[in-house]
C-alpha atoms as a PDB file:
ATOM      1  CA  UNK A   1     149.596  50.179  41.256  1.00  0.00           C
ATOM      2  CA  UNK A   2     148.815  53.353  43.126  1.00  0.00           C
ATOM      3  CA  UNK A   3     151.068  54.987  45.714  1.00  0.00           C
ATOM      4  CA  UNK A   4     149.796  57.610  48.139  1.00  0.00           C
ATOM      5  CA  UNK A   5     152.085  60.244  49.627  1.00  0.00           C
ATOM      6  CA  UNK A   6     151.350  63.087  51.989  1.00  0.00           C
ATOM      7  CA  UNK A   7     152.608  66.319  50.461  1.00  0.00           C
ATOM      8  CA  UNK A   8     153.433  69.336  52.627  1.00  0.00           C
ATOM      9  CA  UNK A   9     154.930  72.660  51.597  1.00  0.00           C
ATOM     10  CA  UNK A  10     156.333  73.358  55.054  1.00  0.00           C
ATOM     11  CA  UNK A  11     160.005  72.477  55.250  1.00  0.00           C
ATOM     12  CA  UNK A  12     159.308  69.429  57.435  1.00  0.00           C
ATOM     13  CA  UNK A  13     162.349  67.375  58.431  1.00  0.00           C
ATOM     14  CA  UNK A  14     162.662  63.814  59.699  1.00  0.00           C
ATOM     15  CA  UNK A  15     163.787  65.212  63.061  1.00  0.00           C
ATOM     16  CA  UNK A  16     160.537  67.197  63.335  1.00  0.00           C
ATOM     17  CA  UNK A  17     158.502  64.098  62.446  1.00  0.00           C
ATOM     18  CA  UNK A  18     160.455  62.077  65.039  1.00  0.00           C
ATOM     19  CA  UNK A  19     159.807  64.723  67.722  1.00  0.00           C
ATOM     20  CA  UNK A  20     156.108  64.846  66.844  1.00  0.00           C
ATOM     21  CA  UNK A  21     155.756  61.055  66.968  1.00  0.00           C
ATOM     22  CA  UNK A  22     157.732  60.894  70.238  1.00  0.00           C
ATOM     23  CA  UNK A  23     155.501  63.562  71.799  1.00  0.00           C
ATOM     24  CA  UNK A  24     152.269  61.858  70.705  1.00  0.00           C
ATOM     25  CA  UNK A  25     153.160  58.146  70.687  1.00  0.00           C
ATOM     26  CA  UNK A  26     156.474  57.816  72.537  1.00  0.00           C
ATOM     27  CA  UNK A  27     154.905  56.291  75.633  1.00  0.00           C
ATOM     28  CA  UNK A  28     153.193  53.549  73.589  1.00  0.00           C
ATOM     29  CA  UNK A  29     155.708  52.644  70.867  1.00  0.00           C
ATOM     30  CA  UNK A  30     159.434  52.642  70.208  1.00  0.00           C
ATOM     31  CA  UNK A  31     160.488  55.327  67.726  1.00  0.00           C
ATOM     32  CA  UNK A  32     163.811  55.398  65.843  1.00  0.00           C
ATOM     33  CA  UNK A  33     165.242  58.009  63.471  1.00  0.00           C
ATOM     34  CA  UNK A  34     167.328  56.821  60.507  1.00  0.00           C
ATOM     35  CA  UNK A  35     169.307  59.277  58.429  1.00  0.00           C
ATOM     36  CA  UNK A  36     170.090  58.625  54.790  1.00  0.00           C
ATOM     37  CA  UNK A  37     173.668  57.769  53.934  1.00  0.00           C
ATOM     38  CA  UNK A  38     175.801  60.638  52.661  1.00  0.00           C
ATOM     39  CA  UNK A  39     179.110  58.909  51.975  1.00  0.00           C
ATOM     40  CA  UNK A  40     179.716  56.510  49.099  1.00  0.00           C
ATOM     41  CA  UNK A  41     180.477  53.642  51.510  1.00  0.00           C
ATOM     42  CA  UNK A  42     177.287  54.344  53.436  1.00  0.00           C
ATOM     43  CA  UNK A  43     175.249  54.284  50.241  1.00  0.00           C
ATOM     44  CA  UNK A  44     176.751  50.922  49.297  1.00  0.00           C
ATOM     45  CA  UNK A  45     175.990  49.247  52.624  1.00  0.00           C
ATOM     46  CA  UNK A  46     172.613  50.746  53.509  1.00  0.00           C
ATOM     47  CA  UNK A  47     169.393  50.974  51.588  1.00  0.00           C
ATOM     48  CA  UNK A  48     168.403  54.305  53.110  1.00  0.00           C
ATOM     49  CA  UNK A  49     167.503  56.574  50.196  1.00  0.00           C
ATOM     50  CA  UNK A  50     165.675  59.047  52.445  1.00  0.00           C
ATOM     51  CA  UNK A  51     165.588  60.059  56.074  1.00  0.00           C
ATOM     52  CA  UNK A  52     162.980  58.031  57.906  1.00  0.00           C
ATOM     53  CA  UNK A  53     161.379  57.413  61.274  1.00  0.00           C
ATOM     54  CA  UNK A  54     160.469  53.859  62.244  1.00  0.00           C
ATOM     55  CA  UNK A  55     157.582  53.330  64.663  1.00  0.00           C
ATOM     56  CA  UNK A  56     157.716  49.899  66.313  1.00  0.00           C
ATOM     57  CA  UNK A  57     154.755  48.308  68.032  1.00  0.00           C
ATOM     58  CA  UNK A  58     156.303  44.835  68.348  1.00  0.00           C
ATOM     59  CA  UNK A  59     158.533  42.440  66.404  1.00  0.00           C
ATOM     60  CA  UNK A  60     155.886  42.005  63.700  1.00  0.00           C
ATOM     61  CA  UNK A  61     154.065  45.349  63.432  1.00  0.00           C
ATOM     62  CA  UNK A  62     156.208  48.329  62.476  1.00  0.00           C
ATOM     63  CA  UNK A  63     155.932  51.140  59.984  1.00  0.00           C
ATOM     64  CA  UNK A  64     158.543  53.336  58.386  1.00  0.00           C
ATOM     65  CA  UNK A  65     157.692  57.002  57.780  1.00  0.00           C
ATOM     66  CA  UNK A  66     159.868  58.234  54.898  1.00  0.00           C
ATOM     67  CA  UNK A  67     160.555  61.974  54.693  1.00  0.00           C
ATOM     68  CA  UNK A  68     161.980  63.339  51.435  1.00  0.00           C
ATOM     69  CA  UNK A  69     162.400  66.848  50.055  1.00  0.00           C
ATOM     70  CA  UNK A  70     161.355  66.996  46.412  1.00  0.00           C
ATOM     71  CA  UNK A  71     162.274  69.887  44.098  1.00  0.00           C
ATOM     72  CA  UNK A  72     159.167  71.406  42.522  1.00  0.00           C
ATOM     73  CA  UNK A  73     159.508  74.494  40.344  1.00  0.00           C
ATOM     74  CA  UNK A  74     155.730  74.969  40.239  1.00  0.00           C
ATOM     75  CA  UNK A  75     155.437  75.547  43.995  1.00  0.00           C
ATOM     76  CA  UNK A  76     156.007  78.850  45.769  1.00  0.00           C
ATOM     77  CA  UNK A  77     158.913  77.537  47.817  1.00  0.00           C
ATOM     78  CA  UNK A  78     160.550  75.569  44.990  1.00  0.00           C
ATOM     79  CA  UNK A  79     160.274  72.326  46.906  1.00  0.00           C
ATOM     80  CA  UNK A  80     157.899  70.256  48.969  1.00  0.00           C
ATOM     81  CA  UNK A  81     158.256  67.525  51.557  1.00  0.00           C
ATOM     82  CA  UNK A  82     156.834  64.115  50.682  1.00  0.00           C
ATOM     83  CA  UNK A  83     155.885  61.867  53.592  1.00  0.00           C
ATOM     84  CA  UNK A  84     155.154  58.257  52.722  1.00  0.00           C
ATOM     85  CA  UNK A  85     154.807  55.012  54.630  1.00  0.00           C
ATOM     86  CA  UNK A  86     156.269  51.602  54.044  1.00  0.00           C
ATOM     87  CA  UNK A  87     156.307  48.368  55.930  1.00  0.00           C
ATOM     88  CA  UNK A  88     159.496  48.158  57.901  1.00  0.00           C
ATOM     89  CA  UNK A  89     161.439  44.929  57.937  1.00  0.00           C
ATOM     90  CA  UNK A  90     160.572  42.448  60.627  1.00  0.00           C
ATOM     91  CA  UNK A  91     162.961  42.015  63.495  1.00  0.00           C
ATOM     92  CA  UNK A  92     165.863  39.720  62.488  1.00  0.00           C
ATOM     93  CA  UNK A  93     164.831  36.502  64.212  1.00  0.00           C
ATOM     94  CA  UNK A  94     161.184  36.861  63.182  1.00  0.00           C
ATOM     95  CA  UNK A  95     162.187  37.571  59.593  1.00  0.00           C
ATOM     96  CA  UNK A  96     164.073  34.261  59.429  1.00  0.00           C
ATOM     97  CA  UNK A  97     161.195  32.390  61.082  1.00  0.00           C
ATOM     98  CA  UNK A  98     158.636  34.075  58.820  1.00  0.00           C
ATOM     99  CA  UNK A  99     160.620  33.105  55.713  1.00  0.00           C
ATOM    100  CA  UNK A 100     161.129  29.498  56.763  1.00  0.00           C
ATOM    101  CA  UNK A 101     157.841  28.679  58.477  1.00  0.00           C
ATOM    102  CA  UNK A 102     155.685  28.058  55.407  1.00  0.00           C
ATOM    103  CA  UNK A 103     152.082  29.102  54.964  1.00  0.00           C
ATOM    104  CA  UNK A 104     150.834  27.531  58.187  1.00  0.00           C
ATOM    105  CA  UNK A 105     153.692  29.047  60.188  1.00  0.00           C
ATOM    106  CA  UNK A 106     153.005  32.488  58.738  1.00  0.00           C
ATOM    107  CA  UNK A 107     149.352  32.187  59.753  1.00  0.00           C
ATOM    108  CA  UNK A 108     150.382  31.206  63.284  1.00  0.00           C
ATOM    109  CA  UNK A 109     152.741  34.208  63.500  1.00  0.00           C
ATOM    110  CA  UNK A 110     149.917  36.513  62.382  1.00  0.00           C
ATOM    111  CA  UNK A 111     147.598  34.977  64.977  1.00  0.00           C
ATOM    112  CA  UNK A 112     150.193  35.542  67.713  1.00  0.00           C
ATOM    113  CA  UNK A 113     150.770  39.209  66.873  1.00  0.00           C
ATOM    114  CA  UNK A 114     147.213  39.967  65.741  1.00  0.00           C
ATOM    115  CA  UNK A 115     145.873  42.690  63.514  1.00  0.00           C
ATOM    116  CA  UNK A 116     147.319  46.176  63.908  1.00  0.00           C
ATOM    117  CA  UNK A 117     145.207  48.325  61.594  1.00  0.00           C
ATOM    118  CA  UNK A 118     144.549  50.740  64.473  1.00  0.00           C
ATOM    119  CA  UNK A 119     148.333  51.101  64.986  1.00  0.00           C
ATOM    120  CA  UNK A 120     148.929  52.110  61.354  1.00  0.00           C
ATOM    121  CA  UNK A 121     145.918  54.448  61.400  1.00  0.00           C
ATOM    122  CA  UNK A 122     147.127  56.040  64.637  1.00  0.00           C
ATOM    123  CA  UNK A 123     150.559  56.859  63.159  1.00  0.00           C
ATOM    124  CA  UNK A 124     148.933  58.199  59.989  1.00  0.00           C
ATOM    125  CA  UNK A 125     146.458  60.350  61.939  1.00  0.00           C
ATOM    126  CA  UNK A 126     149.166  61.892  64.153  1.00  0.00           C
ATOM    127  CA  UNK A 127     150.997  63.106  61.058  1.00  0.00           C
ATOM    128  CA  UNK A 128     147.914  64.301  59.169  1.00  0.00           C
ATOM    129  CA  UNK A 129     146.445  66.172  62.145  1.00  0.00           C
ATOM    130  CA  UNK A 130     149.679  67.909  63.159  1.00  0.00           C
ATOM    131  CA  UNK A 131     151.371  68.614  59.806  1.00  0.00           C
ATOM    132  CA  UNK A 132     149.494  70.656  57.214  1.00  0.00           C
ATOM    133  CA  UNK A 133     149.449  68.995  53.840  1.00  0.00           C
ATOM    134  CA  UNK A 134     147.489  67.210  51.189  1.00  0.00           C
ATOM    135  CA  UNK A 135     147.322  63.578  50.099  1.00  0.00           C
ATOM    136  CA  UNK A 136     148.414  62.807  46.577  1.00  0.00           C
ATOM    137  CA  UNK A 137     147.902  59.456  44.845  1.00  0.00           C
ATOM    138  CA  UNK A 138     150.012  58.602  41.832  1.00  0.00           C
ATOM    139  CA  UNK A 139     149.718  55.754  39.385  1.00  0.00           C
ATOM    140  CA  UNK A 140     153.162  54.096  39.263  1.00  0.00           C
ATOM    141  CA  UNK A 141     152.422  50.729  37.669  1.00  0.00           C
ATOM    142  CA  UNK A 142     153.214  49.591  34.156  1.00  0.00           C
ATOM    143  CA  UNK A 143     149.870  51.004  33.010  1.00  0.00           C
ATOM    144  CA  UNK A 144     151.155  54.482  33.855  1.00  0.00           C
ATOM    145  CA  UNK A 145     153.585  54.167  30.935  1.00  0.00           C
ATOM    146  CA  UNK A 146     150.614  53.925  28.612  1.00  0.00           C
ATOM    147  CA  UNK A 147     148.487  56.499  30.495  1.00  0.00           C
ATOM    148  CA  UNK A 148     145.940  53.845  31.449  1.00  0.00           C
ATOM    149  CA  UNK A 149     144.131  53.897  34.758  1.00  0.00           C
ATOM    150  CA  UNK A 150     144.630  51.135  37.309  1.00  0.00           C
ATOM    151  CA  UNK A 151     141.693  50.035  39.339  1.00  0.00           C
END
C-alpha cells in the first residue's frame, strides 16, 4: 500500500491551512479546525493524533486535512510539515444508515450524494497551489518490511 503526503519545509500550522481553506473555499464548504489532544484524558477519548482541518461538502463527502510537524535531522530547519488527507467519518445518522443498509442501500446512498472527485481535487489543488512543497509517496504495506515494491 502506498501513502502520499505533501511535504513542506515552511512551518505551516493547521490554523494557517484552515485560514487558507476558508479564504478559498469558505463560501462553498463548511470548514472545521480540530486540535490534537494534549491532556491524557483527551488522548483517551479522542482519536486526534494530529491537528487537522475538515472540509465538509455534505453529509457523505468530506475530507480531513491532517497537519503534522515531523522532526527531520537531514533538513535545514530540522523539521518539516507533512500534510496528508483522509476520509473523514460520515455524519452520525448517515454512518448508522450506511452501516445497516446493506449493499443495495449503500449504492442508493452513493446515488443520492453523487460523485465528488472534483471536490477532493479542489481541496488538494488549493493546498498545492498556495503552500510550497513536494509530494512524497511511501510504501507502507507489509511488502515494505521486505523491501519489495507494491504495484
